[in-house]
Amino acid sequence: QAQLVESGGGLGQAGGSLRLSCAAAAHAFNRNVMGWFRQIPGRDREFVAAIEQSAIRTLYGDSVKGRFTISRDNIKNTLYLQMNNLRPEDAAVYYCAARQAGFGLSTNHDHYVYWGQGTQVTVSS
């Protein structure tokens, strides 16, 4: 059974918006820092955003600050990424990820132990 399942990817327009969702198994969500990463073929996985369990603190990658918003619903065990003002360079496969329970916010993908299968985001200019 998959721990994390992303949805909501697809084709967006430059300047437009998309919203990604990640449905999580309870043990991979309830006490876990959650994050979004993205990857372009041939490049390393890039940190996008992270949110702690309480949702009080968040982190964002420099390239998405002010445009993307990470949030979570701890009742539905679901993570979200609202992407506004899309740019062509936002096109990538987006991955939902979770840290081991009890660990704090991190931008390092090696610190995340659960991963979704990824969802493709394409941006037309």
PDB file of N, CA and C in Angstrom:
ATOM      1  N   GLN A   1       0.853  -1.189   0.000  1.00  0.00           N
ATOM      2  CA  GLN A   1       0.000   0.000   0.000  1.00  0.00           C
ATOM      3  C   GLN A   1       0.891   1.243   0.000  1.00  0.00           C
ATOM      4  N   ALA A   2       0.589   2.167  -0.930  1.00  0.00           N
ATOM      5  CA  ALA A   2       1.383   3.374  -1.039  1.00  0.00           C
ATOM      6  C   ALA A   2       1.197   4.234   0.195  1.00  0.00           C
ATOM      7  N   GLN A   3       2.298   4.821   0.651  1.00  0.00           N
ATOM      8  CA  GLN A   3       2.236   5.690   1.821  1.00  0.00           C
ATOM      9  C   GLN A   3       1.741   7.078   1.459  1.00  0.00           C
ATOM     10  N   LEU A   4       2.182   7.553   0.284  1.00  0.00           N
ATOM     11  CA  LEU A   4       1.868   8.907  -0.170  1.00  0.00           C
ATOM     12  C   LEU A   4       1.433   8.833  -1.636  1.00  0.00           C
ATOM     13  N   VAL A   5       0.341   9.500  -1.967  1.00  0.00           N
ATOM     14  CA  VAL A   5      -0.157   9.500  -3.339  1.00  0.00           C
ATOM     15  C   VAL A   5      -0.486  10.928  -3.763  1.00  0.00           C
ATOM     16  N   GLU A   6       0.249  11.423  -4.756  1.00  0.00           N
ATOM     17  CA  GLU A   6       0.028  12.779  -5.246  1.00  0.00           C
ATOM     18  C   GLU A   6      -1.060  12.815  -6.311  1.00  0.00           C
ATOM     19  N   SER A   7      -1.672  13.967  -6.446  1.00  0.00           N
ATOM     20  CA  SER A   7      -2.638  14.209  -7.523  1.00  0.00           C
ATOM     21  C   SER A   7      -2.682  15.708  -7.794  1.00  0.00           C
ATOM     22  N   GLY A   8      -3.282  16.069  -8.903  1.00  0.00           N
ATOM     23  CA  GLY A   8      -3.480  17.486  -9.213  1.00  0.00           C
ATOM     24  C   GLY A   8      -2.515  18.073 -10.210  1.00  0.00           C
ATOM     25  N   GLY A   9      -1.548  17.282 -10.650  1.00  0.00           N
ATOM     26  CA  GLY A   9      -0.639  17.788 -11.659  1.00  0.00           C
ATOM     27  C   GLY A   9      -1.343  17.916 -13.005  1.00  0.00           C
ATOM     28  N   GLY A  10      -0.624  18.430 -13.968  1.00  0.00           N
ATOM     29  CA  GLY A  10      -1.193  18.593 -15.303  1.00  0.00           C
ATOM     30  C   GLY A  10      -0.611  19.813 -15.973  1.00  0.00           C
ATOM     31  N   LEU A  11      -1.378  20.357 -16.885  1.00  0.00           N
ATOM     32  CA  LEU A  11      -0.925  21.502 -17.669  1.00  0.00           C
ATOM     33  C   LEU A  11      -1.472  22.794 -17.086  1.00  0.00           C
ATOM     34  N   GLY A  12      -0.565  23.711 -16.802  1.00  0.00           N
ATOM     35  CA  GLY A  12      -0.952  25.035 -16.350  1.00  0.00           C
ATOM     36  C   GLY A  12      -0.383  26.073 -17.300  1.00  0.00           C
ATOM     37  N   GLN A  13      -0.918  27.247 -17.223  1.00  0.00           N
ATOM     38  CA  GLN A  13      -0.430  28.339 -18.059  1.00  0.00           C
ATOM     39  C   GLN A  13       0.476  29.253 -17.255  1.00  0.00           C
ATOM     40  N   ALA A  14       1.431  29.840 -17.925  1.00  0.00           N
ATOM     41  CA  ALA A  14       2.280  30.821 -17.252  1.00  0.00           C
ATOM     42  C   ALA A  14       1.395  31.936 -16.704  1.00  0.00           C
ATOM     43  N   GLY A  15       1.623  32.246 -15.424  1.00  0.00           N
ATOM     44  CA  GLY A  15       0.792  33.223 -14.748  1.00  0.00           C
ATOM     45  C   GLY A  15      -0.435  32.635 -14.091  1.00  0.00           C
ATOM     46  N   GLY A  16      -0.711  31.369 -14.375  1.00  0.00           N
ATOM     47  CA  GLY A  16      -1.885  30.702 -13.820  1.00  0.00           C
ATOM     48  C   GLY A  16      -1.572  29.947 -12.549  1.00  0.00           C
ATOM     49  N   SER A  17      -2.501  29.077 -12.164  1.00  0.00           N
ATOM     50  CA  SER A  17      -2.391  28.354 -10.899  1.00  0.00           C
ATOM     51  C   SER A  17      -2.700  26.880 -11.071  1.00  0.00           C
ATOM     52  N   LEU A  18      -2.104  26.098 -10.207  1.00  0.00           N
ATOM     53  CA  LEU A  18      -2.424  24.676 -10.049  1.00  0.00           C
ATOM     54  C   LEU A  18      -2.361  24.360  -8.561  1.00  0.00           C
ATOM     55  N   ARG A  19      -3.104  23.330  -8.163  1.00  0.00           N
ATOM     56  CA  ARG A  19      -3.062  22.888  -6.776  1.00  0.00           C
ATOM     57  C   ARG A  19      -2.770  21.409  -6.743  1.00  0.00           C
ATOM     58  N   LEU A  20      -1.706  21.038  -6.064  1.00  0.00           N
ATOM     59  CA  LEU A  20      -1.347  19.643  -5.885  1.00  0.00           C
ATOM     60  C   LEU A  20      -1.855  19.158  -4.533  1.00  0.00           C
ATOM     61  N   SER A  21      -2.219  17.887  -4.502  1.00  0.00           N
ATOM     62  CA  SER A  21      -2.626  17.238  -3.253  1.00  0.00           C
ATOM     63  C   SER A  21      -1.804  15.984  -3.044  1.00  0.00           C
ATOM     64  N   CYS A  22      -1.673  15.599  -1.807  1.00  0.00           N
ATOM     65  CA  CYS A  22      -0.954  14.365  -1.463  1.00  0.00           C
ATOM     66  C   CYS A  22      -1.724  13.688  -0.337  1.00  0.00           C
ATOM     67  N   ALA A  23      -2.336  12.562  -0.657  1.00  0.00           N
ATOM     68  CA  ALA A  23      -3.047  11.779   0.341  1.00  0.00           C
ATOM     69  C   ALA A  23      -2.063  10.840   1.014  1.00  0.00           C
ATOM     70  N   ALA A  24      -2.071  10.835   2.345  1.00  0.00           N
ATOM     71  CA  ALA A  24      -1.048  10.090   3.087  1.00  0.00           C
ATOM     72  C   ALA A  24      -1.659   9.061   4.009  1.00  0.00           C
ATOM     73  N   ALA A  25      -0.928   7.981   4.188  1.00  0.00           N
ATOM     74  CA  ALA A  25      -1.268   7.029   5.240  1.00  0.00           C
ATOM     75  C   ALA A  25      -1.002   7.707   6.582  1.00  0.00           C
ATOM     76  N   ALA A  26      -1.806   7.399   7.573  1.00  0.00           N
ATOM     77  CA  ALA A  26      -1.725   8.107   8.855  1.00  0.00           C
ATOM     78  C   ALA A  26      -0.336   8.048   9.473  1.00  0.00           C
ATOM     79  N   HIS A  27       0.309   6.897   9.414  1.00  0.00           N
ATOM     80  CA  HIS A  27       1.616   6.755  10.074  1.00  0.00           C
ATOM     81  C   HIS A  27       2.697   7.552   9.367  1.00  0.00           C
ATOM     82  N   ALA A  28       2.433   7.942   8.115  1.00  0.00           N
ATOM     83  CA  ALA A  28       3.403   8.746   7.362  1.00  0.00           C
ATOM     84  C   ALA A  28       3.008  10.208   7.337  1.00  0.00           C
ATOM     85  N   PHE A  29       2.074  10.623   8.208  1.00  0.00           N
ATOM     86  CA  PHE A  29       1.594  11.996   8.133  1.00  0.00           C
ATOM     87  C   PHE A  29       1.392  12.630   9.505  1.00  0.00           C
ATOM     88  N   ASN A  30       0.733  11.936  10.403  1.00  0.00           N
ATOM     89  CA  ASN A  30       0.213  12.546  11.623  1.00  0.00           C
ATOM     90  C   ASN A  30       1.251  13.287  12.459  1.00  0.00           C
ATOM     91  N   ARG A  31       2.423  12.718  12.614  1.00  0.00           N
ATOM     92  CA  ARG A  31       3.452  13.356  13.460  1.00  0.00           C
ATOM     93  C   ARG A  31       4.675  13.727  12.642  1.00  0.00           C
ATOM     94  N   ASN A  32       4.459  13.911  11.336  1.00  0.00           N
ATOM     95  CA  ASN A  32       5.581  14.062  10.424  1.00  0.00           C
ATOM     96  C   ASN A  32       5.650  15.445   9.789  1.00  0.00           C
ATOM     97  N   VAL A  33       6.883  15.922   9.662  1.00  0.00           N
ATOM     98  CA  VAL A  33       7.126  17.041   8.759  1.00  0.00           C
ATOM     99  C   VAL A  33       6.886  16.550   7.333  1.00  0.00           C
ATOM    100  N   MET A  34       6.173  17.339   6.568  1.00  0.00           N
ATOM    101  CA  MET A  34       5.869  16.990   5.183  1.00  0.00           C
ATOM    102  C   MET A  34       6.512  17.997   4.241  1.00  0.00           C
ATOM    103  N   GLY A  35       6.881  17.525   3.062  1.00  0.00           N
ATOM    104  CA  GLY A  35       7.528  18.417   2.119  1.00  0.00           C
ATOM    105  C   GLY A  35       7.138  18.140   0.680  1.00  0.00           C
ATOM    106  N   TRP A  36       7.425  19.104  -0.153  1.00  0.00           N
ATOM    107  CA  TRP A  36       7.299  18.967  -1.605  1.00  0.00           C
ATOM    108  C   TRP A  36       8.676  19.200  -2.228  1.00  0.00           C
ATOM    109  N   PHE A  37       9.006  18.336  -3.163  1.00  0.00           N
ATOM    110  CA  PHE A  37      10.221  18.473  -3.945  1.00  0.00           C
ATOM    111  C   PHE A  37       9.835  18.379  -5.416  1.00  0.00           C
ATOM    112  N   ARG A  38      10.737  18.814  -6.283  1.00  0.00           N
ATOM    113  CA  ARG A  38      10.488  18.669  -7.715  1.00  0.00           C
ATOM    114  C   ARG A  38      11.775  18.285  -8.408  1.00  0.00           C
ATOM    115  N   GLN A  39      11.613  17.652  -9.567  1.00  0.00           N
ATOM    116  CA  GLN A  39      12.786  17.158 -10.279  1.00  0.00           C
ATOM    117  C   GLN A  39      12.575  17.249 -11.777  1.00  0.00           C
ATOM    118  N   ILE A  40      13.615  17.724 -12.450  1.00  0.00           N
ATOM    119  CA  ILE A  40      13.683  17.735 -13.907  1.00  0.00           C
ATOM    120  C   ILE A  40      14.672  16.649 -14.296  1.00  0.00           C
ATOM    121  N   PRO A  41      14.411  15.914 -15.388  1.00  0.00           N
ATOM    122  CA  PRO A  41      15.349  14.845 -15.791  1.00  0.00           C
ATOM    123  C   PRO A  41      16.777  15.353 -15.905  1.00  0.00           C
ATOM    124  N   GLY A  42      17.692  14.602 -15.315  1.00  0.00           N
ATOM    125  CA  GLY A  42      19.090  14.949 -15.393  1.00  0.00           C
ATOM    126  C   GLY A  42      19.560  15.917 -14.328  1.00  0.00           C
ATOM    127  N   ARG A  43      18.605  16.345 -13.472  1.00  0.00           N
ATOM    128  CA  ARG A  43      18.970  17.281 -12.417  1.00  0.00           C
ATOM    129  C   ARG A  43      18.608  16.703 -11.057  1.00  0.00           C
ATOM    130  N   ASP A  44      19.242  17.224 -10.023  1.00  0.00           N
ATOM    131  CA  ASP A  44      18.988  16.753  -8.666  1.00  0.00           C
ATOM    132  C   ASP A  44      17.590  17.187  -8.216  1.00  0.00           C
ATOM    133  N   ARG A  45      17.066  16.456  -7.253  1.00  0.00           N
ATOM    134  CA  ARG A  45      15.752  16.797  -6.719  1.00  0.00           C
ATOM    135  C   ARG A  45      15.854  18.130  -5.970  1.00  0.00           C
ATOM    136  N   GLU A  46      14.932  19.047  -6.257  1.00  0.00           N
ATOM    137  CA  GLU A  46      14.967  20.399  -5.696  1.00  0.00           C
ATOM    138  C   GLU A  46      13.914  20.582  -4.616  1.00  0.00           C
ATOM    139  N   PHE A  47      14.310  21.155  -3.509  1.00  0.00           N
ATOM    140  CA  PHE A  47      13.375  21.450  -2.429  1.00  0.00           C
ATOM    141  C   PHE A  47      12.404  22.551  -2.854  1.00  0.00           C
ATOM    142  N   VAL A  48      11.124  22.346  -2.580  1.00  0.00           N
ATOM    143  CA  VAL A  48      10.099  23.339  -2.890  1.00  0.00           C
ATOM    144  C   VAL A  48       9.544  23.956  -1.603  1.00  0.00           C
ATOM    145  N   ALA A  49       9.042  23.113  -0.708  1.00  0.00           N
ATOM    146  CA  ALA A  49       8.428  23.636   0.515  1.00  0.00           C
ATOM    147  C   ALA A  49       8.309  22.522   1.541  1.00  0.00           C
ATOM    148  N   ALA A  50       8.223  22.915   2.807  1.00  0.00           N
ATOM    149  CA  ALA A  50       8.018  21.957   3.887  1.00  0.00           C
ATOM    150  C   ALA A  50       7.156  22.589   4.963  1.00  0.00           C
ATOM    151  N   ILE A  51       6.473  21.730   5.723  1.00  0.00           N
ATOM    152  CA  ILE A  51       5.572  22.213   6.766  1.00  0.00           C
ATOM    153  C   ILE A  51       5.646  21.262   7.949  1.00  0.00           C
ATOM    154  N   GLU A  52       5.677  21.833   9.148  1.00  0.00           N
ATOM    155  CA  GLU A  52       5.741  20.982  10.321  1.00  0.00           C
ATOM    156  C   GLU A  52       4.352  20.465  10.670  1.00  0.00           C
ATOM    157  N   GLN A  53       4.311  19.520  11.598  1.00  0.00           N
ATOM    158  CA  GLN A  53       3.058  18.849  11.912  1.00  0.00           C
ATOM    159  C   GLN A  53       1.975  19.825  12.352  1.00  0.00           C
ATOM    160  N   SER A  54       2.341  20.805  13.145  1.00  0.00           N
ATOM    161  CA  SER A  54       1.361  21.781  13.646  1.00  0.00           C
ATOM    162  C   SER A  54       0.948  22.794  12.594  1.00  0.00           C
ATOM    163  N   ALA A  55       1.686  22.825  11.493  1.00  0.00           N
ATOM    164  CA  ALA A  55       1.457  23.790  10.404  1.00  0.00           C
ATOM    165  C   ALA A  55       1.798  25.218  10.792  1.00  0.00           C
ATOM    166  N   ILE A  56       2.431  25.415  11.935  1.00  0.00           N
ATOM    167  CA  ILE A  56       2.790  26.769  12.356  1.00  0.00           C
ATOM    168  C   ILE A  56       3.976  27.278  11.545  1.00  0.00           C
ATOM    169  N   ARG A  57       4.955  26.410  11.350  1.00  0.00           N
ATOM    170  CA  ARG A  57       6.154  26.826  10.625  1.00  0.00           C
ATOM    171  C   ARG A  57       6.238  26.157   9.267  1.00  0.00           C
ATOM    172  N   THR A  58       6.695  26.939   8.298  1.00  0.00           N
ATOM    173  CA  THR A  58       6.906  26.440   6.948  1.00  0.00           C
ATOM    174  C   THR A  58       8.252  26.935   6.420  1.00  0.00           C
ATOM    175  N   LEU A  59       8.735  26.241   5.396  1.00  0.00           N
ATOM    176  CA  LEU A  59       9.942  26.644   4.687  1.00  0.00           C
ATOM    177  C   LEU A  59       9.649  26.623   3.202  1.00  0.00           C
ATOM    178  N   TYR A  60      10.302  27.528   2.455  1.00  0.00           N
ATOM    179  CA  TYR A  60      10.124  27.552   1.016  1.00  0.00           C
ATOM    180  C   TYR A  60      11.468  27.694   0.322  1.00  0.00           C
ATOM    181  N   GLY A  61      11.554  27.068  -0.845  1.00  0.00           N
ATOM    182  CA  GLY A  61      12.709  27.295  -1.685  1.00  0.00           C
ATOM    183  C   GLY A  61      12.663  28.711  -2.239  1.00  0.00           C
ATOM    184  N   ASP A  62      13.833  29.276  -2.502  1.00  0.00           N
ATOM    185  CA  ASP A  62      13.900  30.675  -2.950  1.00  0.00           C
ATOM    186  C   ASP A  62      13.127  30.902  -4.243  1.00  0.00           C
ATOM    187  N   SER A  63      13.116  29.922  -5.122  1.00  0.00           N
ATOM    188  CA  SER A  63      12.495  30.112  -6.425  1.00  0.00           C
ATOM    189  C   SER A  63      10.971  30.126  -6.368  1.00  0.00           C
ATOM    190  N   VAL A  64      10.380  29.715  -5.248  1.00  0.00           N
ATOM    191  CA  VAL A  64       8.918  29.662  -5.163  1.00  0.00           C
ATOM    192  C   VAL A  64       8.351  30.571  -4.091  1.00  0.00           C
ATOM    193  N   LYS A  65       9.197  31.202  -3.310  1.00  0.00           N
ATOM    194  CA  LYS A  65       8.715  32.088  -2.247  1.00  0.00           C
ATOM    195  C   LYS A  65       7.805  33.168  -2.803  1.00  0.00           C
ATOM    196  N   GLY A  66       6.687  33.368  -2.120  1.00  0.00           N
ATOM    197  CA  GLY A  66       5.734  34.381  -2.546  1.00  0.00           C
ATOM    198  C   GLY A  66       4.780  33.925  -3.626  1.00  0.00           C
ATOM    199  N   ARG A  67       5.010  32.747  -4.200  1.00  0.00           N
ATOM    200  CA  ARG A  67       4.139  32.239  -5.258  1.00  0.00           C
ATOM    201  C   ARG A  67       3.448  30.936  -4.858  1.00  0.00           C
ATOM    202  N   PHE A  68       4.141  30.087  -4.123  1.00  0.00           N
ATOM    203  CA  PHE A  68       3.603  28.787  -3.715  1.00  0.00           C
ATOM    204  C   PHE A  68       3.267  28.812  -2.234  1.00  0.00           C
ATOM    205  N   THR A  69       2.240  28.047  -1.859  1.00  0.00           N
ATOM    206  CA  THR A  69       1.854  27.925  -0.456  1.00  0.00           C
ATOM    207  C   THR A  69       1.635  26.462  -0.122  1.00  0.00           C
ATOM    208  N   ILE A  70       2.319  25.999   0.915  1.00  0.00           N
ATOM    209  CA  ILE A  70       2.133  24.638   1.392  1.00  0.00           C
ATOM    210  C   ILE A  70       1.165  24.668   2.567  1.00  0.00           C
ATOM    211  N   SER A  71       0.314  23.658   2.631  1.00  0.00           N
ATOM    212  CA  SER A  71      -0.627  23.557   3.740  1.00  0.00           C
ATOM    213  C   SER A  71      -0.950  22.087   3.969  1.00  0.00           C
ATOM    214  N   ARG A  72      -1.596  21.816   5.094  1.00  0.00           N
ATOM    215  CA  ARG A  72      -1.948  20.438   5.400  1.00  0.00           C
ATOM    216  C   ARG A  72      -3.271  20.392   6.148  1.00  0.00           C
ATOM    217  N   ASP A  73      -3.980  19.301   5.948  1.00  0.00           N
ATOM    218  CA  ASP A  73      -5.224  19.035   6.662  1.00  0.00           C
ATOM    219  C   ASP A  73      -4.980  17.796   7.510  1.00  0.00           C
ATOM    220  N   ASN A  74      -4.821  17.992   8.801  1.00  0.00           N
ATOM    221  CA  ASN A  74      -4.475  16.883   9.685  1.00  0.00           C
ATOM    222  C   ASN A  74      -5.663  15.974  10.007  1.00  0.00           C
ATOM    223  N   ILE A  75      -6.838  16.357   9.586  1.00  0.00           N
ATOM    224  CA  ILE A  75      -7.999  15.470   9.720  1.00  0.00           C
ATOM    225  C   ILE A  75      -8.076  14.538   8.517  1.00  0.00           C
ATOM    226  N   LYS A  76      -7.830  15.094   7.358  1.00  0.00           N
ATOM    227  CA  LYS A  76      -7.904  14.311   6.123  1.00  0.00           C
ATOM    228  C   LYS A  76      -6.581  13.645   5.760  1.00  0.00           C
ATOM    229  N   ASN A  77      -5.538  13.886   6.554  1.00  0.00           N
ATOM    230  CA  ASN A  77      -4.207  13.334   6.232  1.00  0.00           C
ATOM    231  C   ASN A  77      -3.786  13.699   4.812  1.00  0.00           C
ATOM    232  N   THR A  78      -3.933  14.963   4.485  1.00  0.00           N
ATOM    233  CA  THR A  78      -3.650  15.416   3.133  1.00  0.00           C
ATOM    234  C   THR A  78      -2.763  16.661   3.159  1.00  0.00           C
ATOM    235  N   LEU A  79      -1.806  16.654   2.278  1.00  0.00           N
ATOM    236  CA  LEU A  79      -0.878  17.766   2.089  1.00  0.00           C
ATOM    237  C   LEU A  79      -1.235  18.469   0.785  1.00  0.00           C
ATOM    238  N   TYR A  80      -1.060  19.785   0.761  1.00  0.00           N
ATOM    239  CA  TYR A  80      -1.387  20.554  -0.427  1.00  0.00           C
ATOM    240  C   TYR A  80      -0.219  21.456  -0.831  1.00  0.00           C
ATOM    241  N   LEU A  81      -0.200  21.783  -2.111  1.00  0.00           N
ATOM    242  CA  LEU A  81       0.714  22.797  -2.607  1.00  0.00           C
ATOM    243  C   LEU A  81      -0.071  23.658  -3.587  1.00  0.00           C
ATOM    244  N   GLN A  82      -0.361  24.878  -3.181  1.00  0.00           N
ATOM    245  CA  GLN A  82      -1.016  25.839  -4.057  1.00  0.00           C
ATOM    246  C   GLN A  82       0.061  26.587  -4.819  1.00  0.00           C
ATOM    247  N   MET A  83       0.021  26.480  -6.133  1.00  0.00           N
ATOM    248  CA  MET A  83       1.043  27.091  -6.983  1.00  0.00           C
ATOM    249  C   MET A  83       0.399  28.214  -7.790  1.00  0.00           C
ATOM    250  N   ASN A  84       0.788  29.429  -7.513  1.00  0.00           N
ATOM    251  CA  ASN A  84       0.259  30.594  -8.217  1.00  0.00           C
ATOM    252  C   ASN A  84       1.349  31.243  -9.049  1.00  0.00           C
ATOM    253  N   ASN A  85       0.924  32.055  -9.984  1.00  0.00           N
ATOM    254  CA  ASN A  85       1.863  32.771 -10.853  1.00  0.00           C
ATOM    255  C   ASN A  85       2.903  31.808 -11.442  1.00  0.00           C
ATOM    256  N   LEU A  86       2.426  30.734 -12.027  1.00  0.00           N
ATOM    257  CA  LEU A  86       3.311  29.712 -12.572  1.00  0.00           C
ATOM    258  C   LEU A  86       4.241  30.279 -13.623  1.00  0.00           C
ATOM    259  N   ARG A  87       5.434  29.705 -13.657  1.00  0.00           N
ATOM    260  CA  ARG A  87       6.441  30.072 -14.648  1.00  0.00           C
ATOM    261  C   ARG A  87       6.832  28.816 -15.420  1.00  0.00           C
ATOM    262  N   PRO A  88       7.322  28.946 -16.642  1.00  0.00           N
ATOM    263  CA  PRO A  88       7.758  27.765 -17.401  1.00  0.00           C
ATOM    264  C   PRO A  88       8.798  26.945 -16.639  1.00  0.00           C
ATOM    265  N   GLU A  89       9.638  27.606 -15.866  1.00  0.00           N
ATOM    266  CA  GLU A  89      10.677  26.879 -15.117  1.00  0.00           C
ATOM    267  C   GLU A  89      10.130  26.098 -13.931  1.00  0.00           C
ATOM    268  N   ASP A  90       8.829  26.232 -13.632  1.00  0.00           N
ATOM    269  CA  ASP A  90       8.214  25.409 -12.593  1.00  0.00           C
ATOM    270  C   ASP A  90       7.867  24.014 -13.100  1.00  0.00           C
ATOM    271  N   ALA A  91       7.961  23.792 -14.400  1.00  0.00           N
ATOM    272  CA  ALA A  91       7.635  22.484 -14.959  1.00  0.00           C
ATOM    273  C   ALA A  91       8.604  21.429 -14.436  1.00  0.00           C
ATOM    274  N   ALA A  92       8.051  20.355 -13.897  1.00  0.00           N
ATOM    275  CA  ALA A  92       8.855  19.292 -13.295  1.00  0.00           C
ATOM    276  C   ALA A  92       7.921  18.195 -12.814  1.00  0.00           C
ATOM    277  N   VAL A  93       8.502  17.103 -12.355  1.00  0.00           N
ATOM    278  CA  VAL A  93       7.738  16.122 -11.601  1.00  0.00           C
ATOM    279  C   VAL A  93       7.791  16.547 -10.139  1.00  0.00           C
ATOM    280  N   TYR A  94       6.642  16.659  -9.517  1.00  0.00           N
ATOM    281  CA  TYR A  94       6.549  17.095  -8.124  1.00  0.00           C
ATOM    282  C   TYR A  94       6.299  15.886  -7.235  1.00  0.00           C
ATOM    283  N   TYR A  95       7.076  15.816  -6.159  1.00  0.00           N
ATOM    284  CA  TYR A  95       6.992  14.704  -5.226  1.00  0.00           C
ATOM    285  C   TYR A  95       6.588  15.192  -3.839  1.00  0.00           C
ATOM    286  N   CYS A  96       5.703  14.440  -3.237  1.00  0.00           N
ATOM    287  CA  CYS A  96       5.343  14.616  -1.848  1.00  0.00           C
ATOM    288  C   CYS A  96       6.268  13.728  -1.012  1.00  0.00           C
ATOM    289  N   ALA A  97       6.692  14.218   0.154  1.00  0.00           N
ATOM    290  CA  ALA A  97       7.612  13.444   0.978  1.00  0.00           C
ATOM    291  C   ALA A  97       7.329  13.680   2.453  1.00  0.00           C
ATOM    292  N   ALA A  98       7.718  12.718   3.276  1.00  0.00           N
ATOM    293  CA  ALA A  98       7.522  12.829   4.716  1.00  0.00           C
ATOM    294  C   ALA A  98       8.795  12.441   5.449  1.00  0.00           C
ATOM    295  N   ARG A  99       9.091  13.172   6.508  1.00  0.00           N
ATOM    296  CA  ARG A  99      10.210  12.792   7.369  1.00  0.00           C
ATOM    297  C   ARG A  99       9.733  11.738   8.362  1.00  0.00           C
ATOM    298  N   GLN A 100      10.673  11.102   9.002  1.00  0.00           N
ATOM    299  CA  GLN A 100      10.353  10.214  10.105  1.00  0.00           C
ATOM    300  C   GLN A 100       9.720  11.047  11.211  1.00  0.00           C
ATOM    301  N   ALA A 101       8.761  10.484  11.915  1.00  0.00           N
ATOM    302  CA  ALA A 101       8.061  11.201  12.976  1.00  0.00           C
ATOM    303  C   ALA A 101       9.044  11.737  14.015  1.00  0.00           C
ATOM    304  N   GLY A 102       8.826  12.967  14.440  1.00  0.00           N
ATOM    305  CA  GLY A 102       9.631  13.549  15.497  1.00  0.00           C
ATOM    306  C   GLY A 102      10.790  14.402  15.017  1.00  0.00           C
ATOM    307  N   PHE A 103      11.055  14.401  13.730  1.00  0.00           N
ATOM    308  CA  PHE A 103      12.144  15.212  13.189  1.00  0.00           C
ATOM    309  C   PHE A 103      11.597  16.530  12.658  1.00  0.00           C
ATOM    310  N   GLY A 104      12.469  17.538  12.582  1.00  0.00           N
ATOM    311  CA  GLY A 104      12.029  18.880  12.248  1.00  0.00           C
ATOM    312  C   GLY A 104      12.107  19.207  10.769  1.00  0.00           C
ATOM    313  N   LEU A 105      11.811  20.467  10.467  1.00  0.00           N
ATOM    314  CA  LEU A 105      11.830  20.939   9.095  1.00  0.00           C
ATOM    315  C   LEU A 105      13.208  20.754   8.471  1.00  0.00           C
ATOM    316  N   SER A 106      13.213  20.409   7.188  1.00  0.00           N
ATOM    317  CA  SER A 106      14.466  20.233   6.473  1.00  0.00           C
ATOM    318  C   SER A 106      14.256  20.479   4.992  1.00  0.00           C
ATOM    319  N   THR A 107      15.292  21.041   4.359  1.00  0.00           N
ATOM    320  CA  THR A 107      15.277  21.231   2.913  1.00  0.00           C
ATOM    321  C   THR A 107      16.031  20.112   2.193  1.00  0.00           C
ATOM    322  N   ASN A 108      16.597  19.188   2.946  1.00  0.00           N
ATOM    323  CA  ASN A 108      17.442  18.140   2.393  1.00  0.00           C
ATOM    324  C   ASN A 108      16.611  16.908   2.055  1.00  0.00           C
ATOM    325  N   HIS A 109      16.586  16.531   0.790  1.00  0.00           N
ATOM    326  CA  HIS A 109      15.737  15.400   0.398  1.00  0.00           C
ATOM    327  C   HIS A 109      16.206  14.087   1.026  1.00  0.00           C
ATOM    328  N   ASP A 110      17.458  13.999   1.411  1.00  0.00           N
ATOM    329  CA  ASP A 110      17.951  12.775   2.058  1.00  0.00           C
ATOM    330  C   ASP A 110      17.333  12.567   3.433  1.00  0.00           C
ATOM    331  N   HIS A 111      16.744  13.609   4.003  1.00  0.00           N
ATOM    332  CA  HIS A 111      16.143  13.514   5.333  1.00  0.00           C
ATOM    333  C   HIS A 111      14.710  12.996   5.291  1.00  0.00           C
ATOM    334  N   TYR A 112      14.174  12.808   4.109  1.00  0.00           N
ATOM    335  CA  TYR A 112      12.777  12.368   3.980  1.00  0.00           C
ATOM    336  C   TYR A 112      12.755  10.881   3.664  1.00  0.00           C
ATOM    337  N   VAL A 113      11.913  10.144   4.360  1.00  0.00           N
ATOM    338  CA  VAL A 113      11.945   8.689   4.248  1.00  0.00           C
ATOM    339  C   VAL A 113      10.771   8.105   3.472  1.00  0.00           C
ATOM    340  N   TYR A 114       9.687   8.837   3.359  1.00  0.00           N
ATOM    341  CA  TYR A 114       8.534   8.384   2.583  1.00  0.00           C
ATOM    342  C   TYR A 114       8.383   9.297   1.372  1.00  0.00           C
ATOM    343  N   TRP A 115       8.096   8.665   0.219  1.00  0.00           N
ATOM    344  CA  TRP A 115       7.963   9.426  -1.022  1.00  0.00           C
ATOM    345  C   TRP A 115       6.768   8.934  -1.812  1.00  0.00           C
ATOM    346  N   GLY A 116       6.117   9.897  -2.484  1.00  0.00           N
ATOM    347  CA  GLY A 116       5.080   9.534  -3.419  1.00  0.00           C
ATOM    348  C   GLY A 116       5.685   9.172  -4.761  1.00  0.00           C
ATOM    349  N   GLN A 117       4.818   8.819  -5.694  1.00  0.00           N
ATOM    350  CA  GLN A 117       5.279   8.389  -7.014  1.00  0.00           C
ATOM    351  C   GLN A 117       5.541   9.567  -7.941  1.00  0.00           C
ATOM    352  N   GLY A 118       5.088  10.753  -7.557  1.00  0.00           N
ATOM    353  CA  GLY A 118       5.315  11.944  -8.348  1.00  0.00           C
ATOM    354  C   GLY A 118       4.150  12.281  -9.254  1.00  0.00           C
ATOM    355  N   THR A 119       3.984  13.557  -9.518  1.00  0.00           N
ATOM    356  CA  THR A 119       2.952  14.020 -10.447  1.00  0.00           C
ATOM    357  C   THR A 119       3.563  15.090 -11.353  1.00  0.00           C
ATOM    358  N   GLN A 120       3.310  14.965 -12.645  1.00  0.00           N
ATOM    359  CA  GLN A 120       3.927  15.851 -13.624  1.00  0.00           C
ATOM    360  C   GLN A 120       3.198  17.189 -13.682  1.00  0.00           C
ATOM    361  N   VAL A 121       3.965  18.257 -13.648  1.00  0.00           N
ATOM    362  CA  VAL A 121       3.436  19.605 -13.863  1.00  0.00           C
ATOM    363  C   VAL A 121       4.104  20.172 -15.108  1.00  0.00           C
ATOM    364  N   THR A 122       3.298  20.615 -16.035  1.00  0.00           N
ATOM    365  CA  THR A 122       3.778  21.246 -17.260  1.00  0.00           C
ATOM    366  C   THR A 122       3.220  22.660 -17.316  1.00  0.00           C
ATOM    367  N   VAL A 123       4.040  23.604 -17.741  1.00  0.00           N
ATOM    368  CA  VAL A 123       3.603  24.999 -17.797  1.00  0.00           C
ATOM    369  C   VAL A 123       3.802  25.526 -19.213  1.00  0.00           C
ATOM    370  N   SER A 124       2.730  25.982 -19.804  1.00  0.00           N
ATOM    371  CA  SER A 124       2.817  26.542 -21.151  1.00  0.00           C
ATOM    372  C   SER A 124       3.041  28.050 -21.065  1.00  0.00           C
ATOM    373  N   SER A 125       3.883  28.548 -21.943  1.00  0.00           N
ATOM    374  CA  SER A 125       4.207  29.981 -21.913  1.00  0.00           C
ATOM    375  C   SER A 125       3.296  30.767 -22.839  1.00  0.00           C
TER     376      SER A 125
END
